[in-house]
Amino acid sequence: FTGLRIGASTAKGLAQGLNIPIVAVPS
């Protein structure tokens, strides 16, 4: 749970700042 939240927040911050898409890959 903690790892997923860290990965999600990192990706969302980068993607939003760069205005690029995220692709969700099932673990």
mmCIF file of all heavy atoms, coordinates in Angstrom:
data_MODEL
# 
_entry.id   MODEL 
# 
loop_
_atom_site.group_PDB 
_atom_site.id 
_atom_site.type_symbol 
_atom_site.label_atom_id 
_atom_site.label_alt_id 
_atom_site.label_comp_id 
_atom_site.label_asym_id 
_atom_site.label_entity_id 
_atom_site.label_seq_id 
_atom_site.pdbx_PDB_ins_code 
_atom_site.Cartn_x 
_atom_site.Cartn_y 
_atom_site.Cartn_z 
_atom_site.occupancy 
_atom_site.B_iso_or_equiv 
_atom_site.pdbx_formal_charge 
_atom_site.auth_seq_id 
_atom_site.auth_comp_id 
_atom_site.auth_asym_id 
_atom_site.auth_atom_id 
_atom_site.pdbx_PDB_model_num 
ATOM 1   N N   . PHE A 1 1  ? 0.827  -1.202 0.000   1.00 0.00 ? 1  PHE A N   1 
ATOM 2   C CA  . PHE A 1 1  ? 0.000  0.000  0.000   1.00 0.00 ? 1  PHE A CA  1 
ATOM 3   C C   . PHE A 1 1  ? 0.863  1.255  0.000   1.00 0.00 ? 1  PHE A C   1 
ATOM 4   O O   . PHE A 1 1  ? 0.628  2.180  -0.778  1.00 0.00 ? 1  PHE A O   1 
ATOM 5   C CB  . PHE A 1 1  ? -0.937 0.001  1.220   1.00 0.00 ? 1  PHE A CB  1 
ATOM 6   C CG  . PHE A 1 1  ? -2.070 -0.971 1.107   1.00 0.00 ? 1  PHE A CG  1 
ATOM 7   C CD1 . PHE A 1 1  ? -1.886 -2.312 1.387   1.00 0.00 ? 1  PHE A CD1 1 
ATOM 8   C CD2 . PHE A 1 1  ? -3.321 -0.551 0.700   1.00 0.00 ? 1  PHE A CD2 1 
ATOM 9   C CE1 . PHE A 1 1  ? -2.926 -3.223 1.267   1.00 0.00 ? 1  PHE A CE1 1 
ATOM 10  C CE2 . PHE A 1 1  ? -4.370 -1.444 0.583   1.00 0.00 ? 1  PHE A CE2 1 
ATOM 11  C CZ  . PHE A 1 1  ? -4.173 -2.782 0.868   1.00 0.00 ? 1  PHE A CZ  1 
ATOM 12  N N   . THR A 1 2  ? 1.875  1.263  0.861   1.00 0.00 ? 2  THR A N   1 
ATOM 13  C CA  . THR A 1 2  ? 2.751  2.432  0.931   1.00 0.00 ? 2  THR A CA  1 
ATOM 14  C C   . THR A 1 2  ? 3.522  2.601  -0.363  1.00 0.00 ? 2  THR A C   1 
ATOM 15  O O   . THR A 1 2  ? 3.623  3.710  -0.904  1.00 0.00 ? 2  THR A O   1 
ATOM 16  C CB  . THR A 1 2  ? 3.726  2.295  2.116   1.00 0.00 ? 2  THR A CB  1 
ATOM 17  O OG1 . THR A 1 2  ? 2.989  2.142  3.335   1.00 0.00 ? 2  THR A OG1 1 
ATOM 18  C CG2 . THR A 1 2  ? 4.621  3.513  2.223   1.00 0.00 ? 2  THR A CG2 1 
ATOM 19  N N   . GLY A 1 3  ? 4.081  1.520  -0.874  1.00 0.00 ? 3  GLY A N   1 
ATOM 20  C CA  . GLY A 1 3  ? 4.839  1.592  -2.113  1.00 0.00 ? 3  GLY A CA  1 
ATOM 21  C C   . GLY A 1 3  ? 4.013  2.079  -3.280  1.00 0.00 ? 3  GLY A C   1 
ATOM 22  O O   . GLY A 1 3  ? 4.461  2.908  -4.086  1.00 0.00 ? 3  GLY A O   1 
ATOM 23  N N   . LEU A 1 4  ? 2.781  1.567  -3.399  1.00 0.00 ? 4  LEU A N   1 
ATOM 24  C CA  . LEU A 1 4  ? 1.914  1.990  -4.493  1.00 0.00 ? 4  LEU A CA  1 
ATOM 25  C C   . LEU A 1 4  ? 1.580  3.473  -4.395  1.00 0.00 ? 4  LEU A C   1 
ATOM 26  O O   . LEU A 1 4  ? 1.534  4.186  -5.399  1.00 0.00 ? 4  LEU A O   1 
ATOM 27  C CB  . LEU A 1 4  ? 0.623  1.167  -4.492  1.00 0.00 ? 4  LEU A CB  1 
ATOM 28  C CG  . LEU A 1 4  ? 0.764  -0.296 -4.904  1.00 0.00 ? 4  LEU A CG  1 
ATOM 29  C CD1 . LEU A 1 4  ? -0.548 -1.037 -4.701  1.00 0.00 ? 4  LEU A CD1 1 
ATOM 30  C CD2 . LEU A 1 4  ? 1.207  -0.414 -6.363  1.00 0.00 ? 4  LEU A CD2 1 
ATOM 31  N N   . ARG A 1 5  ? 1.343  3.945  -3.185  1.00 0.00 ? 5  ARG A N   1 
ATOM 32  C CA  . ARG A 1 5  ? 1.020  5.366  -3.010  1.00 0.00 ? 5  ARG A CA  1 
ATOM 33  C C   . ARG A 1 5  ? 2.203  6.247  -3.374  1.00 0.00 ? 5  ARG A C   1 
ATOM 34  O O   . ARG A 1 5  ? 2.034  7.304  -3.984  1.00 0.00 ? 5  ARG A O   1 
ATOM 35  C CB  . ARG A 1 5  ? 0.573  5.615  -1.564  1.00 0.00 ? 5  ARG A CB  1 
ATOM 36  C CG  . ARG A 1 5  ? -0.812 5.052  -1.274  1.00 0.00 ? 5  ARG A CG  1 
ATOM 37  C CD  . ARG A 1 5  ? -1.162 5.171  0.197   1.00 0.00 ? 5  ARG A CD  1 
ATOM 38  N NE  . ARG A 1 5  ? -2.477 4.580  0.475   1.00 0.00 ? 5  ARG A NE  1 
ATOM 39  C CZ  . ARG A 1 5  ? -2.787 3.887  1.551   1.00 0.00 ? 5  ARG A CZ  1 
ATOM 40  N NH1 . ARG A 1 5  ? -1.867 3.677  2.472   1.00 0.00 ? 5  ARG A NH1 1 
ATOM 41  N NH2 . ARG A 1 5  ? -3.996 3.404  1.722   1.00 0.00 ? 5  ARG A NH2 1 
ATOM 42  N N   . ILE A 1 6  ? 3.400  5.817  -3.006  1.00 0.00 ? 6  ILE A N   1 
ATOM 43  C CA  . ILE A 1 6  ? 4.592  6.593  -3.347  1.00 0.00 ? 6  ILE A CA  1 
ATOM 44  C C   . ILE A 1 6  ? 4.781  6.627  -4.863  1.00 0.00 ? 6  ILE A C   1 
ATOM 45  O O   . ILE A 1 6  ? 5.041  7.680  -5.451  1.00 0.00 ? 6  ILE A O   1 
ATOM 46  C CB  . ILE A 1 6  ? 5.834  6.004  -2.649  1.00 0.00 ? 6  ILE A CB  1 
ATOM 47  C CG1 . ILE A 1 6  ? 5.732  6.211  -1.135  1.00 0.00 ? 6  ILE A CG1 1 
ATOM 48  C CG2 . ILE A 1 6  ? 7.115  6.637  -3.190  1.00 0.00 ? 6  ILE A CG2 1 
ATOM 49  C CD1 . ILE A 1 6  ? 6.740  5.422  -0.336  1.00 0.00 ? 6  ILE A CD1 1 
ATOM 50  N N   . GLY A 1 7  ? 4.645  5.480  -5.503  1.00 0.00 ? 7  GLY A N   1 
ATOM 51  C CA  . GLY A 1 7  ? 4.779  5.426  -6.957  1.00 0.00 ? 7  GLY A CA  1 
ATOM 52  C C   . GLY A 1 7  ? 3.720  6.259  -7.656  1.00 0.00 ? 7  GLY A C   1 
ATOM 53  O O   . GLY A 1 7  ? 4.006  6.973  -8.629  1.00 0.00 ? 7  GLY A O   1 
ATOM 54  N N   . ALA A 1 8  ? 2.482  6.184  -7.163  1.00 0.00 ? 8  ALA A N   1 
ATOM 55  C CA  . ALA A 1 8  ? 1.381  6.932  -7.772  1.00 0.00 ? 8  ALA A CA  1 
ATOM 56  C C   . ALA A 1 8  ? 1.587  8.434  -7.628  1.00 0.00 ? 8  ALA A C   1 
ATOM 57  O O   . ALA A 1 8  ? 1.411  9.195  -8.587  1.00 0.00 ? 8  ALA A O   1 
ATOM 58  C CB  . ALA A 1 8  ? 0.055  6.515  -7.144  1.00 0.00 ? 8  ALA A CB  1 
ATOM 59  N N   . SER A 1 9  ? 1.966  8.873  -6.429  1.00 0.00 ? 9  SER A N   1 
ATOM 60  C CA  . SER A 1 9  ? 2.150  10.313 -6.215  1.00 0.00 ? 9  SER A CA  1 
ATOM 61  C C   . SER A 1 9  ? 3.324  10.839 -7.031  1.00 0.00 ? 9  SER A C   1 
ATOM 62  O O   . SER A 1 9  ? 3.258  11.956 -7.583  1.00 0.00 ? 9  SER A O   1 
ATOM 63  C CB  . SER A 1 9  ? 2.344  10.611 -4.730  1.00 0.00 ? 9  SER A CB  1 
ATOM 64  O OG  . SER A 1 9  ? 3.502  9.966  -4.223  1.00 0.00 ? 9  SER A OG  1 
ATOM 65  N N   . THR A 1 10 ? 4.386  10.040 -7.149  1.00 0.00 ? 10 THR A N   1 
ATOM 66  C CA  . THR A 1 10 ? 5.530  10.439 -7.967  1.00 0.00 ? 10 THR A CA  1 
ATOM 67  C C   . THR A 1 10 ? 5.126  10.577 -9.431  1.00 0.00 ? 10 THR A C   1 
ATOM 68  O O   . THR A 1 10 ? 5.427  11.579 -10.090 1.00 0.00 ? 10 THR A O   1 
ATOM 69  C CB  . THR A 1 10 ? 6.673  9.418  -7.837  1.00 0.00 ? 10 THR A CB  1 
ATOM 70  O OG1 . THR A 1 10 ? 7.076  9.316  -6.471  1.00 0.00 ? 10 THR A OG1 1 
ATOM 71  C CG2 . THR A 1 10 ? 7.865  9.812  -8.696  1.00 0.00 ? 10 THR A CG2 1 
ATOM 72  N N   . ALA A 1 11 ? 4.423  9.571  -9.945  1.00 0.00 ? 11 ALA A N   1 
ATOM 73  C CA  . ALA A 1 11 ? 4.002  9.583  -11.345 1.00 0.00 ? 11 ALA A CA  1 
ATOM 74  C C   . ALA A 1 11 ? 3.010  10.705 -11.628 1.00 0.00 ? 11 ALA A C   1 
ATOM 75  O O   . ALA A 1 11 ? 3.119  11.402 -12.647 1.00 0.00 ? 11 ALA A O   1 
ATOM 76  C CB  . ALA A 1 11 ? 3.384  8.232  -11.708 1.00 0.00 ? 11 ALA A CB  1 
ATOM 77  N N   . LYS A 1 12 ? 2.058  10.880 -10.740 1.00 0.00 ? 12 LYS A N   1 
ATOM 78  C CA  . LYS A 1 12 ? 1.043  11.909 -10.953 1.00 0.00 ? 12 LYS A CA  1 
ATOM 79  C C   . LYS A 1 12 ? 1.670  13.307 -10.939 1.00 0.00 ? 12 LYS A C   1 
ATOM 80  O O   . LYS A 1 12 ? 1.320  14.167 -11.748 1.00 0.00 ? 12 LYS A O   1 
ATOM 81  C CB  . LYS A 1 12 ? -0.055 11.800 -9.887  1.00 0.00 ? 12 LYS A CB  1 
ATOM 82  C CG  . LYS A 1 12 ? -0.973 10.610 -10.096 1.00 0.00 ? 12 LYS A CG  1 
ATOM 83  C CD  . LYS A 1 12 ? -1.822 10.319 -8.869  1.00 0.00 ? 12 LYS A CD  1 
ATOM 84  C CE  . LYS A 1 12 ? -2.943 11.313 -8.674  1.00 0.00 ? 12 LYS A CE  1 
ATOM 85  N NZ  . LYS A 1 12 ? -4.059 11.078 -9.611  1.00 0.00 ? 12 LYS A NZ  1 
ATOM 86  N N   . GLY A 1 13 ? 2.616  13.531 -10.022 1.00 0.00 ? 13 GLY A N   1 
ATOM 87  C CA  . GLY A 1 13 ? 3.281  14.829 -9.968  1.00 0.00 ? 13 GLY A CA  1 
ATOM 88  C C   . GLY A 1 13 ? 4.060  15.117 -11.237 1.00 0.00 ? 13 GLY A C   1 
ATOM 89  O O   . GLY A 1 13 ? 3.972  16.218 -11.797 1.00 0.00 ? 13 GLY A O   1 
ATOM 90  N N   . LEU A 1 14 ? 4.820  14.119 -11.698 1.00 0.00 ? 14 LEU A N   1 
ATOM 91  C CA  . LEU A 1 14 ? 5.596  14.299 -12.925 1.00 0.00 ? 14 LEU A CA  1 
ATOM 92  C C   . LEU A 1 14 ? 4.691  14.485 -14.141 1.00 0.00 ? 14 LEU A C   1 
ATOM 93  O O   . LEU A 1 14 ? 4.900  15.385 -14.960 1.00 0.00 ? 14 LEU A O   1 
ATOM 94  C CB  . LEU A 1 14 ? 6.521  13.096 -13.143 1.00 0.00 ? 14 LEU A CB  1 
ATOM 95  C CG  . LEU A 1 14 ? 7.750  12.991 -12.245 1.00 0.00 ? 14 LEU A CG  1 
ATOM 96  C CD1 . LEU A 1 14 ? 8.426  11.634 -12.435 1.00 0.00 ? 14 LEU A CD1 1 
ATOM 97  C CD2 . LEU A 1 14 ? 8.741  14.110 -12.559 1.00 0.00 ? 14 LEU A CD2 1 
ATOM 98  N N   . ALA A 1 15 ? 3.685  13.620 -14.275 1.00 0.00 ? 15 ALA A N   1 
ATOM 99  C CA  . ALA A 1 15 ? 2.823  13.664 -15.447 1.00 0.00 ? 15 ALA A CA  1 
ATOM 100 C C   . ALA A 1 15 ? 2.029  14.968 -15.517 1.00 0.00 ? 15 ALA A C   1 
ATOM 101 O O   . ALA A 1 15 ? 1.853  15.546 -16.596 1.00 0.00 ? 15 ALA A O   1 
ATOM 102 C CB  . ALA A 1 15 ? 1.866  12.472 -15.436 1.00 0.00 ? 15 ALA A CB  1 
ATOM 103 N N   . GLN A 1 16 ? 1.564  15.430 -14.376 1.00 0.00 ? 16 GLN A N   1 
ATOM 104 C CA  . GLN A 1 16 ? 0.799  16.671 -14.356 1.00 0.00 ? 16 GLN A CA  1 
ATOM 105 C C   . GLN A 1 16 ? 1.694  17.857 -14.711 1.00 0.00 ? 16 GLN A C   1 
ATOM 106 O O   . GLN A 1 16 ? 1.299  18.735 -15.489 1.00 0.00 ? 16 GLN A O   1 
ATOM 107 C CB  . GLN A 1 16 ? 0.171  16.873 -12.985 1.00 0.00 ? 16 GLN A CB  1 
ATOM 108 C CG  . GLN A 1 16 ? -0.842 18.018 -12.941 1.00 0.00 ? 16 GLN A CG  1 
ATOM 109 C CD  . GLN A 1 16 ? -1.706 17.961 -11.701 1.00 0.00 ? 16 GLN A CD  1 
ATOM 110 O OE1 . GLN A 1 16 ? -1.412 17.230 -10.758 1.00 0.00 ? 16 GLN A OE1 1 
ATOM 111 N NE2 . GLN A 1 16 ? -2.772 18.735 -11.690 1.00 0.00 ? 16 GLN A NE2 1 
ATOM 112 N N   . GLY A 1 17 ? 2.886  17.878 -14.143 1.00 0.00 ? 17 GLY A N   1 
ATOM 113 C CA  . GLY A 1 17 ? 3.800  18.979 -14.424 1.00 0.00 ? 17 GLY A CA  1 
ATOM 114 C C   . GLY A 1 17 ? 4.258  19.009 -15.873 1.00 0.00 ? 17 GLY A C   1 
ATOM 115 O O   . GLY A 1 17 ? 4.468  20.084 -16.447 1.00 0.00 ? 17 GLY A O   1 
ATOM 116 N N   . LEU A 1 18 ? 4.404  17.830 -16.476 1.00 0.00 ? 18 LEU A N   1 
ATOM 117 C CA  . LEU A 1 18 ? 4.873  17.736 -17.857 1.00 0.00 ? 18 LEU A CA  1 
ATOM 118 C C   . LEU A 1 18 ? 3.728  17.677 -18.870 1.00 0.00 ? 18 LEU A C   1 
ATOM 119 O O   . LEU A 1 18 ? 3.965  17.727 -20.082 1.00 0.00 ? 18 LEU A O   1 
ATOM 120 C CB  . LEU A 1 18 ? 5.745  16.481 -18.024 1.00 0.00 ? 18 LEU A CB  1 
ATOM 121 C CG  . LEU A 1 18 ? 7.033  16.436 -17.195 1.00 0.00 ? 18 LEU A CG  1 
ATOM 122 C CD1 . LEU A 1 18 ? 7.648  15.042 -17.249 1.00 0.00 ? 18 LEU A CD1 1 
ATOM 123 C CD2 . LEU A 1 18 ? 8.036  17.487 -17.694 1.00 0.00 ? 18 LEU A CD2 1 
ATOM 124 N N   . ASN A 1 19 ? 2.499  17.513 -18.371 1.00 0.00 ? 19 ASN A N   1 
ATOM 125 C CA  . ASN A 1 19 ? 1.316  17.384 -19.226 1.00 0.00 ? 19 ASN A CA  1 
ATOM 126 C C   . ASN A 1 19 ? 1.451  16.202 -20.194 1.00 0.00 ? 19 ASN A C   1 
ATOM 127 O O   . ASN A 1 19 ? 1.251  16.328 -21.406 1.00 0.00 ? 19 ASN A O   1 
ATOM 128 C CB  . ASN A 1 19 ? 1.056  18.677 -20.005 1.00 0.00 ? 19 ASN A CB  1 
ATOM 129 C CG  . ASN A 1 19 ? -0.339 18.687 -20.635 1.00 0.00 ? 19 ASN A CG  1 
ATOM 130 O OD1 . ASN A 1 19 ? -1.277 18.066 -20.129 1.00 0.00 ? 19 ASN A OD1 1 
ATOM 131 N ND2 . ASN A 1 19 ? -0.482 19.397 -21.743 1.00 0.00 ? 19 ASN A ND2 1 
ATOM 132 N N   . ILE A 1 20 ? 1.820  15.042 -19.622 1.00 0.00 ? 20 ILE A N   1 
ATOM 133 C CA  . ILE A 1 20 ? 1.950  13.822 -20.420 1.00 0.00 ? 20 ILE A CA  1 
ATOM 134 C C   . ILE A 1 20 ? 1.082  12.728 -19.795 1.00 0.00 ? 20 ILE A C   1 
ATOM 135 O O   . ILE A 1 20 ? 0.716  12.812 -18.620 1.00 0.00 ? 20 ILE A O   1 
ATOM 136 C CB  . ILE A 1 20 ? 3.413  13.344 -20.512 1.00 0.00 ? 20 ILE A CB  1 
ATOM 137 C CG1 . ILE A 1 20 ? 3.988  13.088 -19.106 1.00 0.00 ? 20 ILE A CG1 1 
ATOM 138 C CG2 . ILE A 1 20 ? 4.263  14.355 -21.272 1.00 0.00 ? 20 ILE A CG2 1 
ATOM 139 C CD1 . ILE A 1 20 ? 5.410  12.516 -19.121 1.00 0.00 ? 20 ILE A CD1 1 
ATOM 140 N N   . PRO A 1 21 ? 0.721  11.700 -20.568 1.00 0.00 ? 21 PRO A N   1 
ATOM 141 C CA  . PRO A 1 21 ? -0.159 10.660 -20.042 1.00 0.00 ? 21 PRO A CA  1 
ATOM 142 C C   . PRO A 1 21 ? 0.533  9.660  -19.132 1.00 0.00 ? 21 PRO A C   1 
ATOM 143 O O   . PRO A 1 21 ? 1.752  9.470  -19.207 1.00 0.00 ? 21 PRO A O   1 
ATOM 144 C CB  . PRO A 1 21 ? -0.677 9.961  -21.313 1.00 0.00 ? 21 PRO A CB  1 
ATOM 145 C CG  . PRO A 1 21 ? 0.425  10.159 -22.312 1.00 0.00 ? 21 PRO A CG  1 
ATOM 146 C CD  . PRO A 1 21 ? 1.005  11.516 -22.008 1.00 0.00 ? 21 PRO A CD  1 
ATOM 147 N N   . ILE A 1 22 ? -0.273 9.034  -18.294 1.00 0.00 ? 22 ILE A N   1 
ATOM 148 C CA  . ILE A 1 22 ? 0.156  7.896  -17.481 1.00 0.00 ? 22 ILE A CA  1 
ATOM 149 C C   . ILE A 1 22 ? -0.478 6.640  -18.059 1.00 0.00 ? 22 ILE A C   1 
ATOM 150 O O   . ILE A 1 22 ? -1.650 6.643  -18.446 1.00 0.00 ? 22 ILE A O   1 
ATOM 151 C CB  . ILE A 1 22 ? -0.271 8.068  -16.015 1.00 0.00 ? 22 ILE A CB  1 
ATOM 152 C CG1 . ILE A 1 22 ? 0.540  9.168  -15.335 1.00 0.00 ? 22 ILE A CG1 1 
ATOM 153 C CG2 . ILE A 1 22 ? -0.113 6.761  -15.230 1.00 0.00 ? 22 ILE A CG2 1 
ATOM 154 C CD1 . ILE A 1 22 ? 0.131  9.458  -13.905 1.00 0.00 ? 22 ILE A CD1 1 
ATOM 155 N N   . VAL A 1 23 ? 0.293  5.572  -18.106 1.00 0.00 ? 23 VAL A N   1 
ATOM 156 C CA  . VAL A 1 23 ? -0.240 4.262  -18.492 1.00 0.00 ? 23 VAL A CA  1 
ATOM 157 C C   . VAL A 1 23 ? -0.180 3.364  -17.262 1.00 0.00 ? 23 VAL A C   1 
ATOM 158 O O   . VAL A 1 23 ? 0.900  3.130  -16.710 1.00 0.00 ? 23 VAL A O   1 
ATOM 159 C CB  . VAL A 1 23 ? 0.567  3.624  -19.635 1.00 0.00 ? 23 VAL A CB  1 
ATOM 160 C CG1 . VAL A 1 23 ? -0.098 2.322  -20.079 1.00 0.00 ? 23 VAL A CG1 1 
ATOM 161 C CG2 . VAL A 1 23 ? 0.702  4.585  -20.808 1.00 0.00 ? 23 VAL A CG2 1 
ATOM 162 N N   . ALA A 1 24 ? -1.329 2.900  -16.802 1.00 0.00 ? 24 ALA A N   1 
ATOM 163 C CA  . ALA A 1 24 ? -1.402 2.022  -15.637 1.00 0.00 ? 24 ALA A CA  1 
ATOM 164 C C   . ALA A 1 24 ? -1.132 0.591  -16.072 1.00 0.00 ? 24 ALA A C   1 
ATOM 165 O O   . ALA A 1 24 ? -1.877 0.031  -16.891 1.00 0.00 ? 24 ALA A O   1 
ATOM 166 C CB  . ALA A 1 24 ? -2.768 2.136  -14.981 1.00 0.00 ? 24 ALA A CB  1 
ATOM 167 N N   . VAL A 1 25 ? -0.084 -0.014 -15.544 1.00 0.00 ? 25 VAL A N   1 
ATOM 168 C CA  . VAL A 1 25 ? 0.269  -1.407 -15.858 1.00 0.00 ? 25 VAL A CA  1 
ATOM 169 C C   . VAL A 1 25 ? -0.015 -2.252 -14.617 1.00 0.00 ? 25 VAL A C   1 
ATOM 170 O O   . VAL A 1 25 ? 0.584  -2.016 -13.565 1.00 0.00 ? 25 VAL A O   1 
ATOM 171 C CB  . VAL A 1 25 ? 1.754  -1.522 -16.244 1.00 0.00 ? 25 VAL A CB  1 
ATOM 172 C CG1 . VAL A 1 25 ? 2.138  -2.990 -16.459 1.00 0.00 ? 25 VAL A CG1 1 
ATOM 173 C CG2 . VAL A 1 25 ? 2.049  -0.703 -17.496 1.00 0.00 ? 25 VAL A CG2 1 
ATOM 174 N N   . PRO A 1 26 ? -0.934 -3.209 -14.696 1.00 0.00 ? 26 PRO A N   1 
ATOM 175 C CA  . PRO A 1 26 ? -1.172 -4.075 -13.541 1.00 0.00 ? 26 PRO A CA  1 
ATOM 176 C C   . PRO A 1 26 ? 0.138  -4.695 -13.044 1.00 0.00 ? 26 PRO A C   1 
ATOM 177 O O   . PRO A 1 26 ? 0.928  -5.206 -13.843 1.00 0.00 ? 26 PRO A O   1 
ATOM 178 C CB  . PRO A 1 26 ? -2.133 -5.130 -14.086 1.00 0.00 ? 26 PRO A CB  1 
ATOM 179 C CG  . PRO A 1 26 ? -2.842 -4.441 -15.218 1.00 0.00 ? 26 PRO A CG  1 
ATOM 180 C CD  . PRO A 1 26 ? -1.807 -3.555 -15.829 1.00 0.00 ? 26 PRO A CD  1 
ATOM 181 N N   . SER A 1 27 ? 0.359  -4.635 -11.746 1.00 0.00 ? 27 SER A N   1 
ATOM 182 C CA  . SER A 1 27 ? 1.648  -5.057 -11.181 1.00 0.00 ? 27 SER A CA  1 
ATOM 183 C C   . SER A 1 27 ? 2.035  -6.474 -11.590 1.00 0.00 ? 27 SER A C   1 
ATOM 184 O O   . SER A 1 27 ? 3.196  -6.746 -11.924 1.00 0.00 ? 27 SER A O   1 
ATOM 185 C CB  . SER A 1 27 ? 1.609  -4.973 -9.649  1.00 0.00 ? 27 SER A CB  1 
ATOM 186 O OG  . SER A 1 27 ? 1.460  -3.655 -9.215  1.00 0.00 ? 27 SER A OG  1 
# 
